[in-house]
């Protein structure tokens, strides 16, 4: 399912116009992104948690030349599925 299909499904399920559903999806994505940029978690009980994990810098190896290279520290967005979501998927 892509974003357009998600918007159509939300509009149908919530009985709202597609434009309103699009605004809801865009607002959700924007809020989650802003919170993660600020280093905060977004927890939706039963569904899951969006959070940022820190990856420390490390030394890697260029596979073509074998030369050691420094890989910079970075932040990675992460989603951890909640219990109810896991149970629904595995049912």
PDB file of N, CA and C in Angstrom:
ATOM      1  N   UNK A   1       0.847  -1.177   0.000  1.00  0.00           N
ATOM      2  CA  UNK A   1       0.000   0.000   0.000  1.00  0.00           C
ATOM      3  C   UNK A   1       0.892   1.239   0.000  1.00  0.00           C
ATOM      4  N   UNK A   2       0.606   2.139  -0.920  1.00  0.00           N
ATOM      5  CA  UNK A   2       1.354   3.393  -0.952  1.00  0.00           C
ATOM      6  C   UNK A   2       0.546   4.499  -0.272  1.00  0.00           C
ATOM      7  N   UNK A   3       1.082   5.714  -0.257  1.00  0.00           N
ATOM      8  CA  UNK A   3       0.437   6.814   0.457  1.00  0.00           C
ATOM      9  C   UNK A   3      -0.952   7.124  -0.104  1.00  0.00           C
ATOM     10  N   UNK A   4      -1.099   7.118  -1.416  1.00  0.00           N
ATOM     11  CA  UNK A   4      -2.387   7.407  -2.042  1.00  0.00           C
ATOM     12  C   UNK A   4      -3.431   6.375  -1.637  1.00  0.00           C
ATOM     13  N   UNK A   5      -3.042   5.108  -1.640  1.00  0.00           N
ATOM     14  CA  UNK A   5      -3.960   4.036  -1.242  1.00  0.00           C
ATOM     15  C   UNK A   5      -4.304   4.145   0.244  1.00  0.00           C
ATOM     16  N   UNK A   6      -3.339   4.516   1.065  1.00  0.00           N
ATOM     17  CA  UNK A   6      -3.587   4.706   2.492  1.00  0.00           C
ATOM     18  C   UNK A   6      -4.592   5.828   2.723  1.00  0.00           C
ATOM     19  N   UNK A   7      -4.428   6.924   2.019  1.00  0.00           N
ATOM     20  CA  UNK A   7      -5.342   8.054   2.143  1.00  0.00           C
ATOM     21  C   UNK A   7      -6.758   7.642   1.752  1.00  0.00           C
ATOM     22  N   UNK A   8      -6.884   6.899   0.654  1.00  0.00           N
ATOM     23  CA  UNK A   8      -8.204   6.436   0.208  1.00  0.00           C
ATOM     24  C   UNK A   8      -8.829   5.505   1.241  1.00  0.00           C
ATOM     25  N   UNK A   9      -8.032   4.614   1.827  1.00  0.00           N
ATOM     26  CA  UNK A   9      -8.540   3.676   2.831  1.00  0.00           C
ATOM     27  C   UNK A   9      -8.985   4.412   4.099  1.00  0.00           C
ATOM     28  N   UNK A  10      -8.211   5.400   4.527  1.00  0.00           N
ATOM     29  CA  UNK A  10      -8.577   6.186   5.714  1.00  0.00           C
ATOM     30  C   UNK A  10      -9.858   6.966   5.441  1.00  0.00           C
ATOM     31  N   UNK A  11      -9.963   7.571   4.261  1.00  0.00           N
ATOM     32  CA  UNK A  11     -11.159   8.335   3.913  1.00  0.00           C
ATOM     33  C   UNK A  11     -12.392   7.449   3.968  1.00  0.00           C
ATOM     34  N   UNK A  12     -12.271   6.247   3.445  1.00  0.00           N
ATOM     35  CA  UNK A  12     -13.405   5.320   3.442  1.00  0.00           C
ATOM     36  C   UNK A  12     -13.745   4.839   4.851  1.00  0.00           C
ATOM     37  N   UNK A  13     -12.739   4.418   5.598  1.00  0.00           N
ATOM     38  CA  UNK A  13     -12.951   3.868   6.936  1.00  0.00           C
ATOM     39  C   UNK A  13     -13.468   4.924   7.919  1.00  0.00           C
ATOM     40  N   UNK A  14     -12.952   6.155   7.818  1.00  0.00           N
ATOM     41  CA  UNK A  14     -13.347   7.224   8.735  1.00  0.00           C
ATOM     42  C   UNK A  14     -14.531   8.031   8.207  1.00  0.00           C
ATOM     43  N   UNK A  15     -14.980   7.698   6.989  1.00  0.00           N
ATOM     44  CA  UNK A  15     -16.102   8.384   6.360  1.00  0.00           C
ATOM     45  C   UNK A  15     -15.853   9.891   6.269  1.00  0.00           C
ATOM     46  N   UNK A  16     -14.667  10.234   5.733  1.00  0.00           N
ATOM     47  CA  UNK A  16     -14.302  11.633   5.513  1.00  0.00           C
ATOM     48  C   UNK A  16     -13.857  11.800   4.067  1.00  0.00           C
ATOM     49  N   UNK A  17     -13.731  13.060   3.640  1.00  0.00           N
ATOM     50  CA  UNK A  17     -13.264  13.341   2.284  1.00  0.00           C
ATOM     51  C   UNK A  17     -11.795  12.950   2.161  1.00  0.00           C
ATOM     52  N   UNK A  18     -11.380  12.610   0.936  1.00  0.00           N
ATOM     53  CA  UNK A  18      -9.980  12.245   0.704  1.00  0.00           C
ATOM     54  C   UNK A  18      -9.040  13.398   1.072  1.00  0.00           C
ATOM     55  N   UNK A  19      -9.455  14.621   0.824  1.00  0.00           N
ATOM     56  CA  UNK A  19      -8.617  15.778   1.162  1.00  0.00           C
ATOM     57  C   UNK A  19      -8.387  15.853   2.672  1.00  0.00           C
ATOM     58  N   UNK A  20      -9.443  15.588   3.448  1.00  0.00           N
ATOM     59  CA  UNK A  20      -9.302  15.590   4.908  1.00  0.00           C
ATOM     60  C   UNK A  20      -8.399  14.450   5.370  1.00  0.00           C
ATOM     61  N   UNK A  21      -8.549  13.283   4.744  1.00  0.00           N
ATOM     62  CA  UNK A  21      -7.706  12.136   5.087  1.00  0.00           C
ATOM     63  C   UNK A  21      -6.246  12.430   4.739  1.00  0.00           C
ATOM     64  N   UNK A  22      -6.023  13.095   3.598  1.00  0.00           N
ATOM     65  CA  UNK A  22      -4.654  13.460   3.196  1.00  0.00           C
ATOM     66  C   UNK A  22      -4.042  14.396   4.235  1.00  0.00           C
ATOM     67  N   UNK A  23      -4.833  15.372   4.689  1.00  0.00           N
ATOM     68  CA  UNK A  23      -4.339  16.314   5.704  1.00  0.00           C
ATOM     69  C   UNK A  23      -3.998  15.578   7.001  1.00  0.00           C
ATOM     70  N   UNK A  24      -4.803  14.586   7.368  1.00  0.00           N
ATOM     71  CA  UNK A  24      -4.532  13.805   8.580  1.00  0.00           C
ATOM     72  C   UNK A  24      -3.234  13.009   8.454  1.00  0.00           C
ATOM     73  N   UNK A  25      -3.044  12.358   7.321  1.00  0.00           N
ATOM     74  CA  UNK A  25      -1.824  11.573   7.103  1.00  0.00           C
ATOM     75  C   UNK A  25      -0.608  12.483   7.096  1.00  0.00           C
ATOM     76  N   UNK A  26      -0.699  13.611   6.393  1.00  0.00           N
ATOM     77  CA  UNK A  26       0.422  14.557   6.337  1.00  0.00           C
ATOM     78  C   UNK A  26       0.747  15.106   7.727  1.00  0.00           C
ATOM     79  N   UNK A  27      -0.286  15.408   8.512  1.00  0.00           N
ATOM     80  CA  UNK A  27      -0.070  15.916   9.871  1.00  0.00           C
ATOM     81  C   UNK A  27       0.594  14.853  10.734  1.00  0.00           C
ATOM     82  N   UNK A  28       0.153  13.603  10.626  1.00  0.00           N
ATOM     83  CA  UNK A  28       0.740  12.518  11.407  1.00  0.00           C
ATOM     84  C   UNK A  28       2.223  12.367  11.079  1.00  0.00           C
ATOM     85  N   UNK A  29       2.540  12.312   9.802  1.00  0.00           N
ATOM     86  CA  UNK A  29       3.939  12.152   9.376  1.00  0.00           C
ATOM     87  C   UNK A  29       4.779  13.334   9.854  1.00  0.00           C
ATOM     88  N   UNK A  30       4.253  14.542   9.741  1.00  0.00           N
ATOM     89  CA  UNK A  30       4.974  15.732  10.159  1.00  0.00           C
ATOM     90  C   UNK A  30       5.236  15.734  11.663  1.00  0.00           C
ATOM     91  N   UNK A  31       4.228  15.388  12.447  1.00  0.00           N
ATOM     92  CA  UNK A  31       4.377  15.375  13.906  1.00  0.00           C
ATOM     93  C   UNK A  31       5.374  14.316  14.348  1.00  0.00           C
ATOM     94  N   UNK A  32       5.266  13.100  13.785  1.00  0.00           N
ATOM     95  CA  UNK A  32       6.206  12.032  14.144  1.00  0.00           C
ATOM     96  C   UNK A  32       7.622  12.434  13.763  1.00  0.00           C
ATOM     97  N   UNK A  33       7.795  13.004  12.586  1.00  0.00           N
ATOM     98  CA  UNK A  33       9.123  13.437  12.137  1.00  0.00           C
ATOM     99  C   UNK A  33       9.695  14.508  13.063  1.00  0.00           C
ATOM    100  N   UNK A  34       8.879  15.510  13.392  1.00  0.00           N
ATOM    101  CA  UNK A  34       9.344  16.586  14.272  1.00  0.00           C
ATOM    102  C   UNK A  34       9.746  16.062  15.649  1.00  0.00           C
ATOM    103  N   UNK A  35       8.962  15.153  16.193  1.00  0.00           N
ATOM    104  CA  UNK A  35       9.276  14.582  17.508  1.00  0.00           C
ATOM    105  C   UNK A  35      10.565  13.767  17.458  1.00  0.00           C
ATOM    106  N   UNK A  36      10.761  13.005  16.390  1.00  0.00           N
ATOM    107  CA  UNK A  36      11.978  12.202  16.274  1.00  0.00           C
ATOM    108  C   UNK A  36      13.194  13.094  16.089  1.00  0.00           C
ATOM    109  N   UNK A  37      13.061  14.177  15.341  1.00  0.00           N
ATOM    110  CA  UNK A  37      14.163  15.129  15.181  1.00  0.00           C
ATOM    111  C   UNK A  37      14.546  15.709  16.539  1.00  0.00           C
ATOM    112  N   UNK A  38      13.541  15.936  17.389  1.00  0.00           N
ATOM    113  CA  UNK A  38      13.782  16.483  18.729  1.00  0.00           C
ATOM    114  C   UNK A  38      14.294  15.418  19.698  1.00  0.00           C
ATOM    115  N   UNK A  39      14.424  14.167  19.230  1.00  0.00           N
ATOM    116  CA  UNK A  39      14.944  13.095  20.077  1.00  0.00           C
ATOM    117  C   UNK A  39      13.890  12.428  20.935  1.00  0.00           C
ATOM    118  N   UNK A  40      12.625  12.694  20.661  1.00  0.00           N
ATOM    119  CA  UNK A  40      11.533  12.127  21.449  1.00  0.00           C
ATOM    120  C   UNK A  40      10.993  10.847  20.808  1.00  0.00           C
ATOM    121  N   UNK A  41      10.324  10.043  21.630  1.00  0.00           N
ATOM    122  CA  UNK A  41       9.638   8.843  21.156  1.00  0.00           C
ATOM    123  C   UNK A  41       8.184   9.185  20.899  1.00  0.00           C
ATOM    124  N   UNK A  42       7.572   8.483  19.948  1.00  0.00           N
ATOM    125  CA  UNK A  42       6.133   8.573  19.727  1.00  0.00           C
ATOM    126  C   UNK A  42       5.597   7.161  19.922  1.00  0.00           C
ATOM    127  N   UNK A  43       4.842   6.957  21.001  1.00  0.00           N
ATOM    128  CA  UNK A  43       4.335   5.629  21.337  1.00  0.00           C
ATOM    129  C   UNK A  43       2.831   5.580  21.115  1.00  0.00           C
ATOM    130  N   UNK A  44       2.404   4.632  20.303  1.00  0.00           N
ATOM    131  CA  UNK A  44       0.990   4.381  20.072  1.00  0.00           C
ATOM    132  C   UNK A  44       0.702   3.009  20.697  1.00  0.00           C
ATOM    133  N   UNK A  45       0.102   3.016  21.880  1.00  0.00           N
ATOM    134  CA  UNK A  45      -0.099   1.789  22.652  1.00  0.00           C
ATOM    135  C   UNK A  45      -0.813   0.742  21.797  1.00  0.00           C
ATOM    136  N   UNK A  46      -0.238  -0.444  21.740  1.00  0.00           N
ATOM    137  CA  UNK A  46      -0.794  -1.541  20.975  1.00  0.00           C
ATOM    138  C   UNK A  46      -0.300  -1.581  19.542  1.00  0.00           C
ATOM    139  N   UNK A  47       0.057  -0.436  18.991  1.00  0.00           N
ATOM    140  CA  UNK A  47       0.539  -0.385  17.607  1.00  0.00           C
ATOM    141  C   UNK A  47       2.052  -0.439  17.549  1.00  0.00           C
ATOM    142  N   UNK A  48       2.720   0.502  18.232  1.00  0.00           N
ATOM    143  CA  UNK A  48       4.175   0.493  18.226  1.00  0.00           C
ATOM    144  C   UNK A  48       4.767   1.825  18.626  1.00  0.00           C
ATOM    145  N   UNK A  49       6.088   1.882  18.578  1.00  0.00           N
ATOM    146  CA  UNK A  49       6.825   3.068  19.001  1.00  0.00           C
ATOM    147  C   UNK A  49       7.791   3.495  17.907  1.00  0.00           C
ATOM    148  N   UNK A  50       7.752   4.783  17.585  1.00  0.00           N
ATOM    149  CA  UNK A  50       8.715   5.381  16.674  1.00  0.00           C
ATOM    150  C   UNK A  50       9.773   6.046  17.541  1.00  0.00           C
ATOM    151  N   UNK A  51      11.058   5.774  17.286  1.00  0.00           N
ATOM    152  CA  UNK A  51      12.118   6.392  18.062  1.00  0.00           C
ATOM    153  C   UNK A  51      13.388   6.502  17.234  1.00  0.00           C
ATOM    154  N   UNK A  52      14.364   7.182  17.797  1.00  0.00           N
ATOM    155  CA  UNK A  52      15.654   7.378  17.128  1.00  0.00           C
ATOM    156  C   UNK A  52      16.705   6.595  17.895  1.00  0.00           C
ATOM    157  N   UNK A  53      17.522   5.832  17.179  1.00  0.00           N
ATOM    158  CA  UNK A  53      18.630   5.140  17.830  1.00  0.00           C
ATOM    159  C   UNK A  53      19.938   5.771  17.350  1.00  0.00           C
ATOM    160  N   UNK A  54      20.887   5.811  18.241  1.00  0.00           N
ATOM    161  CA  UNK A  54      22.200   6.402  17.944  1.00  0.00           C
ATOM    162  C   UNK A  54      23.143   5.303  17.468  1.00  0.00           C
ATOM    163  N   UNK A  55      23.808   5.543  16.356  1.00  0.00           N
ATOM    164  CA  UNK A  55      24.843   4.624  15.872  1.00  0.00           C
ATOM    165  C   UNK A  55      26.188   5.301  16.065  1.00  0.00           C
ATOM    166  N   UNK A  56      27.060   4.704  16.857  1.00  0.00           N
ATOM    167  CA  UNK A  56      28.364   5.329  17.081  1.00  0.00           C
ATOM    168  C   UNK A  56      29.233   5.280  15.820  1.00  0.00           C
ATOM    169  N   UNK A  57      30.190   6.185  15.760  1.00  0.00           N
ATOM    170  CA  UNK A  57      31.137   6.156  14.659  1.00  0.00           C
ATOM    171  C   UNK A  57      32.002   4.894  14.765  1.00  0.00           C
ATOM    172  N   UNK A  58      32.500   4.435  13.649  1.00  0.00           N
ATOM    173  CA  UNK A  58      33.307   3.218  13.654  1.00  0.00           C
ATOM    174  C   UNK A  58      34.248   3.208  12.455  1.00  0.00           C
ATOM    175  N   UNK A  59      35.181   2.286  12.487  1.00  0.00           N
ATOM    176  CA  UNK A  59      36.092   2.118  11.373  1.00  0.00           C
ATOM    177  C   UNK A  59      35.566   0.999  10.486  1.00  0.00           C
ATOM    178  N   UNK A  60      35.451   1.291   9.199  1.00  0.00           N
ATOM    179  CA  UNK A  60      35.001   0.291   8.234  1.00  0.00           C
ATOM    180  C   UNK A  60      36.104   0.012   7.235  1.00  0.00           C
ATOM    181  N   UNK A  61      35.793  -0.803   6.258  1.00  0.00           N
ATOM    182  CA  UNK A  61      36.780  -1.163   5.245  1.00  0.00           C
ATOM    183  C   UNK A  61      36.146  -1.029   3.867  1.00  0.00           C
ATOM    184  N   UNK A  62      36.833  -0.332   2.980  1.00  0.00           N
ATOM    185  CA  UNK A  62      36.389  -0.210   1.603  1.00  0.00           C
ATOM    186  C   UNK A  62      36.579  -1.569   0.936  1.00  0.00           C
ATOM    187  N   UNK A  63      35.503  -2.214   0.463  1.00  0.00           N
ATOM    188  CA  UNK A  63      35.640  -3.559  -0.105  1.00  0.00           C
ATOM    189  C   UNK A  63      36.441  -3.598  -1.408  1.00  0.00           C
ATOM    190  N   UNK A  64      36.517  -2.491  -2.119  1.00  0.00           N
ATOM    191  CA  UNK A  64      37.271  -2.479  -3.381  1.00  0.00           C
ATOM    192  C   UNK A  64      38.774  -2.361  -3.161  1.00  0.00           C
ATOM    193  N   UNK A  65      39.152  -1.483  -2.218  1.00  0.00           N
ATOM    194  CA  UNK A  65      40.579  -1.217  -2.027  1.00  0.00           C
ATOM    195  C   UNK A  65      41.144  -1.857  -0.764  1.00  0.00           C
ATOM    196  N   UNK A  66      40.275  -2.250   0.154  1.00  0.00           N
ATOM    197  CA  UNK A  66      40.740  -2.802   1.421  1.00  0.00           C
ATOM    198  C   UNK A  66      41.195  -1.729   2.393  1.00  0.00           C
ATOM    199  N   UNK A  67      41.077  -0.464   1.993  1.00  0.00           N
ATOM    200  CA  UNK A  67      41.516   0.650   2.823  1.00  0.00           C
ATOM    201  C   UNK A  67      40.531   0.891   3.975  1.00  0.00           C
ATOM    202  N   UNK A  68      41.074   1.193   5.164  1.00  0.00           N
ATOM    203  CA  UNK A  68      40.230   1.522   6.308  1.00  0.00           C
ATOM    204  C   UNK A  68      39.642   2.909   6.103  1.00  0.00           C
ATOM    205  N   UNK A  69      38.353   3.052   6.456  1.00  0.00           N
ATOM    206  CA  UNK A  69      37.691   4.344   6.368  1.00  0.00           C
ATOM    207  C   UNK A  69      36.921   4.584   7.662  1.00  0.00           C
ATOM    208  N   UNK A  70      36.763   5.850   8.012  1.00  0.00           N
ATOM    209  CA  UNK A  70      35.997   6.198   9.206  1.00  0.00           C
ATOM    210  C   UNK A  70      34.541   6.427   8.810  1.00  0.00           C
ATOM    211  N   UNK A  71      33.656   5.756   9.497  1.00  0.00           N
ATOM    212  CA  UNK A  71      32.220   5.921   9.273  1.00  0.00           C
ATOM    213  C   UNK A  71      31.697   6.793  10.416  1.00  0.00           C
ATOM    214  N   UNK A  72      31.088   7.904  10.071  1.00  0.00           N
ATOM    215  CA  UNK A  72      30.629   8.892  11.063  1.00  0.00           C
ATOM    216  C   UNK A  72      29.460   8.341  11.884  1.00  0.00           C
ATOM    217  N   UNK A  73      29.334   8.847  13.096  1.00  0.00           N
ATOM    218  CA  UNK A  73      28.190   8.513  13.940  1.00  0.00           C
ATOM    219  C   UNK A  73      26.933   9.051  13.263  1.00  0.00           C
ATOM    220  N   UNK A  74      25.809   8.379  13.493  1.00  0.00           N
ATOM    221  CA  UNK A  74      24.561   8.831  12.879  1.00  0.00           C
ATOM    222  C   UNK A  74      23.372   8.439  13.742  1.00  0.00           C
ATOM    223  N   UNK A  75      22.238   9.022  13.409  1.00  0.00           N
ATOM    224  CA  UNK A  75      20.984   8.692  14.080  1.00  0.00           C
ATOM    225  C   UNK A  75      20.121   7.937  13.077  1.00  0.00           C
ATOM    226  N   UNK A  76      19.472   6.878  13.540  1.00  0.00           N
ATOM    227  CA  UNK A  76      18.638   6.061  12.672  1.00  0.00           C
ATOM    228  C   UNK A  76      17.210   6.030  13.188  1.00  0.00           C
ATOM    229  N   UNK A  77      16.222   6.333  12.334  1.00  0.00           N
ATOM    230  CA  UNK A  77      14.842   6.194  12.763  1.00  0.00           C
ATOM    231  C   UNK A  77      14.511   4.710  12.921  1.00  0.00           C
ATOM    232  N   UNK A  78      13.682   4.405  13.911  1.00  0.00           N
ATOM    233  CA  UNK A  78      13.396   3.015  14.221  1.00  0.00           C
ATOM    234  C   UNK A  78      11.919   2.886  14.587  1.00  0.00           C
ATOM    235  N   UNK A  79      11.301   1.778  14.203  1.00  0.00           N
ATOM    236  CA  UNK A  79       9.932   1.474  14.610  1.00  0.00           C
ATOM    237  C   UNK A  79       9.939   0.122  15.296  1.00  0.00           C
ATOM    238  N   UNK A  80       9.364   0.081  16.493  1.00  0.00           N
ATOM    239  CA  UNK A  80       9.255  -1.177  17.230  1.00  0.00           C
ATOM    240  C   UNK A  80       7.771  -1.506  17.341  1.00  0.00           C
ATOM    241  N   UNK A  81       7.373  -2.626  16.773  1.00  0.00           N
ATOM    242  CA  UNK A  81       5.964  -3.019  16.775  1.00  0.00           C
ATOM    243  C   UNK A  81       5.490  -3.331  18.187  1.00  0.00           C
ATOM    244  N   UNK A  82       4.244  -2.942  18.471  1.00  0.00           N
ATOM    245  CA  UNK A  82       3.631  -3.216  19.780  1.00  0.00           C
ATOM    246  C   UNK A  82       3.063  -4.622  19.842  1.00  0.00           C
ATOM    247  N   UNK A  83       2.705  -5.030  21.031  1.00  0.00           N
ATOM    248  CA  UNK A  83       2.222  -6.387  21.271  1.00  0.00           C
ATOM    249  C   UNK A  83       0.956  -6.708  20.449  1.00  0.00           C
ATOM    250  N   UNK A  84      -0.011  -5.808  20.466  1.00  0.00           N
ATOM    251  CA  UNK A  84      -1.255  -6.067  19.737  1.00  0.00           C
ATOM    252  C   UNK A  84      -1.025  -6.183  18.228  1.00  0.00           C
ATOM    253  N   UNK A  85      -0.132  -5.344  17.687  1.00  0.00           N
ATOM    254  CA  UNK A  85       0.183  -5.424  16.260  1.00  0.00           C
ATOM    255  C   UNK A  85       0.858  -6.751  15.937  1.00  0.00           C
ATOM    256  N   UNK A  86       1.807  -7.167  16.764  1.00  0.00           N
ATOM    257  CA  UNK A  86       2.488  -8.443  16.543  1.00  0.00           C
ATOM    258  C   UNK A  86       1.494  -9.601  16.578  1.00  0.00           C
ATOM    259  N   UNK A  87       0.587  -9.575  17.575  1.00  0.00           N
ATOM    260  CA  UNK A  87      -0.397 -10.643  17.692  1.00  0.00           C
ATOM    261  C   UNK A  87      -1.345 -10.668  16.494  1.00  0.00           C
ATOM    262  N   UNK A  88      -1.765  -9.501  16.018  1.00  0.00           N
ATOM    263  CA  UNK A  88      -2.660  -9.434  14.864  1.00  0.00           C
ATOM    264  C   UNK A  88      -1.990  -9.985  13.614  1.00  0.00           C
ATOM    265  N   UNK A  89      -0.717  -9.645  13.408  1.00  0.00           N
ATOM    266  CA  UNK A  89       0.009 -10.111  12.231  1.00  0.00           C
ATOM    267  C   UNK A  89       0.235 -11.627  12.288  1.00  0.00           C
ATOM    268  N   UNK A  90       0.456 -12.147  13.476  1.00  0.00           N
ATOM    269  CA  UNK A  90       0.751 -13.570  13.626  1.00  0.00           C
ATOM    270  C   UNK A  90      -0.499 -14.438  13.813  1.00  0.00           C
ATOM    271  N   UNK A  91      -1.682 -13.819  13.815  1.00  0.00           N
ATOM    272  CA  UNK A  91      -2.915 -14.592  14.018  1.00  0.00           C
ATOM    273  C   UNK A  91      -3.302 -15.353  12.771  1.00  0.00           C
TER     274      UNK A  91
END
